[in-house]
Structure formats: structure tokens, C-alpha cells
């Protein structure tokens, strides 16, 4: 059974920084793609950033230049460094991991990020 455990959310003032982490358990688990979605109240869930096993990355336009995604394959962990945070970044952030060679996507439980103005 694969579980994704997130950490690092919280309350920060505008202009501040947070670092989210998401660790996938399971000794035989390897991920092809990993990344983060976010969902604000009353809004759709948006893909914020993703990173592939090749280390290629994709970002939501509104976070480019402010957020950086990275991964540690040995630890099955994905990180999201968020700088210059804005109130509009406030949302629940969900990590995901796609099983390498499979068709299963796993989800974290979500972590709240709140940016005050």
C-alpha cells in the first residue's frame, strides 16, 4: 500500500516563503511523475507543478519564477519551494505520485497554505 504524507503548510505573510514536502511510502514504489495540485474554496483544482523521473518540470503560469519543484528519488519525496507568496496562493495543496510503469495515481491528504495580505 502506497501512502503520500505531506508536510510544510501553514500561515505566512505575503512575500514570505514556505516549503512543502511529500514522501511516498512503500519500499518497492517508484514514481514516474510527482507533483502538486491546489484547490481554493469554490474553485477548481489546478496543477501547480509537476516533475518527471527525467527531472523535466512544468509549472502553472502564475507561479513561474516563484515556485520550484524538486524530487529526491532515493527518498521517494517531492518538494515545492514557494517564494514571494501572494494571497491568491492560498489553497489546500495536494501532492500526487504516478506509479512508474503503471496507471495508478496516488494522492496526499492535502495541506493548507494561507497567505495573509
C-alpha atoms as a PDB file:
ATOM      1  CA  UNK A   1       0.000   0.000   0.000  1.00  0.00           C
ATOM      2  CA  UNK A   2       1.394   3.378  -1.005  1.00  0.00           C
ATOM      3  CA  UNK A   3       0.764   6.428   1.128  1.00  0.00           C
ATOM      4  CA  UNK A   4       1.780  10.014   0.491  1.00  0.00           C
ATOM      5  CA  UNK A   5       2.448  12.108   3.580  1.00  0.00           C
ATOM      6  CA  UNK A   6       2.609  15.866   3.180  1.00  0.00           C
ATOM      7  CA  UNK A   7       4.154  18.448   5.471  1.00  0.00           C
ATOM      8  CA  UNK A   8       5.153  22.082   5.459  1.00  0.00           C
ATOM      9  CA  UNK A   9       1.935  24.019   5.042  1.00  0.00           C
ATOM     10  CA  UNK A  10       0.945  26.903   7.275  1.00  0.00           C
ATOM     11  CA  UNK A  11       0.263  30.594   7.577  1.00  0.00           C
ATOM     12  CA  UNK A  12       2.660  33.123   6.107  1.00  0.00           C
ATOM     13  CA  UNK A  13       2.566  36.800   5.233  1.00  0.00           C
ATOM     14  CA  UNK A  14       2.587  37.963   1.637  1.00  0.00           C
ATOM     15  CA  UNK A  15       6.110  37.927   0.272  1.00  0.00           C
ATOM     16  CA  UNK A  16       7.135  35.086   2.537  1.00  0.00           C
ATOM     17  CA  UNK A  17       8.202  31.532   1.764  1.00  0.00           C
ATOM     18  CA  UNK A  18       7.121  28.002   2.550  1.00  0.00           C
ATOM     19  CA  UNK A  19       8.490  24.608   1.586  1.00  0.00           C
ATOM     20  CA  UNK A  20       6.142  21.685   1.109  1.00  0.00           C
ATOM     21  CA  UNK A  21       7.312  18.083   1.275  1.00  0.00           C
ATOM     22  CA  UNK A  22       5.570  14.904   0.227  1.00  0.00           C
ATOM     23  CA  UNK A  23       7.029  11.486   0.990  1.00  0.00           C
ATOM     24  CA  UNK A  24       5.747   8.306  -0.616  1.00  0.00           C
ATOM     25  CA  UNK A  25       5.925   5.156   1.491  1.00  0.00           C
ATOM     26  CA  UNK A  26       6.370   1.650   0.097  1.00  0.00           C
ATOM     27  CA  UNK A  27       9.751   0.008  -0.352  1.00  0.00           C
ATOM     28  CA  UNK A  28       9.040  -1.110  -3.914  1.00  0.00           C
ATOM     29  CA  UNK A  29       7.377   2.068  -5.076  1.00  0.00           C
ATOM     30  CA  UNK A  30       8.940   4.221  -7.759  1.00  0.00           C
ATOM     31  CA  UNK A  31       7.222   7.214  -9.281  1.00  0.00           C
ATOM     32  CA  UNK A  32       7.275   8.420 -12.842  1.00  0.00           C
ATOM     33  CA  UNK A  33       5.653  11.803 -12.279  1.00  0.00           C
ATOM     34  CA  UNK A  34       5.211  13.611  -8.986  1.00  0.00           C
ATOM     35  CA  UNK A  35       3.774  16.993  -8.289  1.00  0.00           C
ATOM     36  CA  UNK A  36       1.304  19.305  -6.641  1.00  0.00           C
ATOM     37  CA  UNK A  37      -2.233  20.495  -7.254  1.00  0.00           C
ATOM     38  CA  UNK A  38      -4.050  23.167  -5.289  1.00  0.00           C
ATOM     39  CA  UNK A  39      -7.659  23.985  -4.676  1.00  0.00           C
ATOM     40  CA  UNK A  40      -9.069  27.172  -3.218  1.00  0.00           C
ATOM     41  CA  UNK A  41     -12.631  27.308  -1.830  1.00  0.00           C
ATOM     42  CA  UNK A  42     -15.167  27.392  -4.632  1.00  0.00           C
ATOM     43  CA  UNK A  43     -12.542  26.934  -7.330  1.00  0.00           C
ATOM     44  CA  UNK A  44     -11.333  24.048  -9.455  1.00  0.00           C
ATOM     45  CA  UNK A  45      -8.254  22.039  -8.609  1.00  0.00           C
ATOM     46  CA  UNK A  46      -5.283  23.334 -10.602  1.00  0.00           C
ATOM     47  CA  UNK A  47      -1.997  21.629 -11.378  1.00  0.00           C
ATOM     48  CA  UNK A  48       0.667  23.825  -9.797  1.00  0.00           C
ATOM     49  CA  UNK A  49       3.834  21.958 -10.723  1.00  0.00           C
ATOM     50  CA  UNK A  50       4.990  18.538 -11.831  1.00  0.00           C
ATOM     51  CA  UNK A  51       8.321  16.809 -12.199  1.00  0.00           C
ATOM     52  CA  UNK A  52       9.121  13.664 -14.109  1.00  0.00           C
ATOM     53  CA  UNK A  53      11.665  10.986 -13.429  1.00  0.00           C
ATOM     54  CA  UNK A  54      13.801  12.677 -16.085  1.00  0.00           C
ATOM     55  CA  UNK A  55      13.652  15.829 -13.916  1.00  0.00           C
ATOM     56  CA  UNK A  56      11.757  17.772 -16.548  1.00  0.00           C
ATOM     57  CA  UNK A  57       9.296  20.163 -14.935  1.00  0.00           C
ATOM     58  CA  UNK A  58       6.079  22.022 -15.674  1.00  0.00           C
ATOM     59  CA  UNK A  59       4.564  24.969 -13.830  1.00  0.00           C
ATOM     60  CA  UNK A  60       1.296  26.842 -13.680  1.00  0.00           C
ATOM     61  CA  UNK A  61       1.895  30.193 -15.362  1.00  0.00           C
ATOM     62  CA  UNK A  62       1.009  32.176 -12.253  1.00  0.00           C
ATOM     63  CA  UNK A  63       3.740  30.510 -10.161  1.00  0.00           C
ATOM     64  CA  UNK A  64       6.573  30.513 -12.669  1.00  0.00           C
ATOM     65  CA  UNK A  65       9.637  32.237 -11.258  1.00  0.00           C
ATOM     66  CA  UNK A  66       8.312  31.960  -7.689  1.00  0.00           C
ATOM     67  CA  UNK A  67       7.863  28.226  -7.094  1.00  0.00           C
ATOM     68  CA  UNK A  68      10.429  25.473  -7.619  1.00  0.00           C
ATOM     69  CA  UNK A  69       9.647  21.767  -7.659  1.00  0.00           C
ATOM     70  CA  UNK A  70      12.285  19.141  -6.985  1.00  0.00           C
ATOM     71  CA  UNK A  71      12.453  15.473  -6.058  1.00  0.00           C
ATOM     72  CA  UNK A  72      14.692  13.009  -4.285  1.00  0.00           C
ATOM     73  CA  UNK A  73      14.169   9.639  -5.938  1.00  0.00           C
ATOM     74  CA  UNK A  74      16.092   7.754  -3.270  1.00  0.00           C
ATOM     75  CA  UNK A  75      13.627   9.056  -0.693  1.00  0.00           C
ATOM     76  CA  UNK A  76      10.559   8.992  -2.960  1.00  0.00           C
ATOM     77  CA  UNK A  77       9.983  12.582  -1.920  1.00  0.00           C
ATOM     78  CA  UNK A  78       8.862  15.638  -3.844  1.00  0.00           C
ATOM     79  CA  UNK A  79       9.326  19.204  -2.651  1.00  0.00           C
ATOM     80  CA  UNK A  80       7.734  22.511  -3.556  1.00  0.00           C
ATOM     81  CA  UNK A  81       9.676  25.620  -2.598  1.00  0.00           C
ATOM     82  CA  UNK A  82       7.305  28.565  -2.656  1.00  0.00           C
ATOM     83  CA  UNK A  83       8.760  32.066  -2.574  1.00  0.00           C
ATOM     84  CA  UNK A  84       7.215  35.526  -2.921  1.00  0.00           C
ATOM     85  CA  UNK A  85       3.890  34.119  -1.826  1.00  0.00           C
ATOM     86  CA  UNK A  86       0.728  36.036  -2.641  1.00  0.00           C
ATOM     87  CA  UNK A  87      -2.733  35.916  -1.041  1.00  0.00           C
ATOM     88  CA  UNK A  88      -4.032  34.272  -4.215  1.00  0.00           C
ATOM     89  CA  UNK A  89      -1.739  31.306  -3.498  1.00  0.00           C
ATOM     90  CA  UNK A  90      -3.964  30.457  -0.535  1.00  0.00           C
ATOM     91  CA  UNK A  91      -5.369  26.968  -1.059  1.00  0.00           C
ATOM     92  CA  UNK A  92      -5.169  23.360   0.023  1.00  0.00           C
ATOM     93  CA  UNK A  93      -2.179  21.803  -1.707  1.00  0.00           C
ATOM     94  CA  UNK A  94      -2.317  18.133  -2.686  1.00  0.00           C
ATOM     95  CA  UNK A  95       0.666  16.110  -3.806  1.00  0.00           C
ATOM     96  CA  UNK A  96       0.425  13.222  -6.225  1.00  0.00           C
ATOM     97  CA  UNK A  97       2.654  10.442  -7.470  1.00  0.00           C
ATOM     98  CA  UNK A  98       2.161   8.245 -10.508  1.00  0.00           C
ATOM     99  CA  UNK A  99       3.419   4.677 -10.266  1.00  0.00           C
ATOM    100  CA  UNK A 100       6.317   4.016 -12.652  1.00  0.00           C
ATOM    101  CA  UNK A 101       5.243   1.537 -15.295  1.00  0.00           C
ATOM    102  CA  UNK A 102       1.662   1.572 -14.074  1.00  0.00           C
ATOM    103  CA  UNK A 103      -1.550   3.549 -14.346  1.00  0.00           C
ATOM    104  CA  UNK A 104      -2.182   4.419 -10.720  1.00  0.00           C
ATOM    105  CA  UNK A 105      -2.082   7.899  -9.253  1.00  0.00           C
ATOM    106  CA  UNK A 106      -1.713   8.283  -5.522  1.00  0.00           C
ATOM    107  CA  UNK A 107      -2.724  11.369  -3.554  1.00  0.00           C
ATOM    108  CA  UNK A 108      -1.645  13.050  -0.362  1.00  0.00           C
ATOM    109  CA  UNK A 109      -4.127  14.154   2.259  1.00  0.00           C
ATOM    110  CA  UNK A 110      -3.709  17.850   1.495  1.00  0.00           C
ATOM    111  CA  UNK A 111      -2.015  20.627   3.412  1.00  0.00           C
ATOM    112  CA  UNK A 112      -3.374  24.127   3.947  1.00  0.00           C
ATOM    113  CA  UNK A 113      -1.353  27.107   2.775  1.00  0.00           C
ATOM    114  CA  UNK A 114      -2.670  30.500   3.861  1.00  0.00           C
ATOM    115  CA  UNK A 115      -1.048  33.737   2.736  1.00  0.00           C
ATOM    116  CA  UNK A 116      -2.154  36.863   4.554  1.00  0.00           C
ATOM    117  CA  UNK A 117      -2.025  40.307   2.982  1.00  0.00           C
END
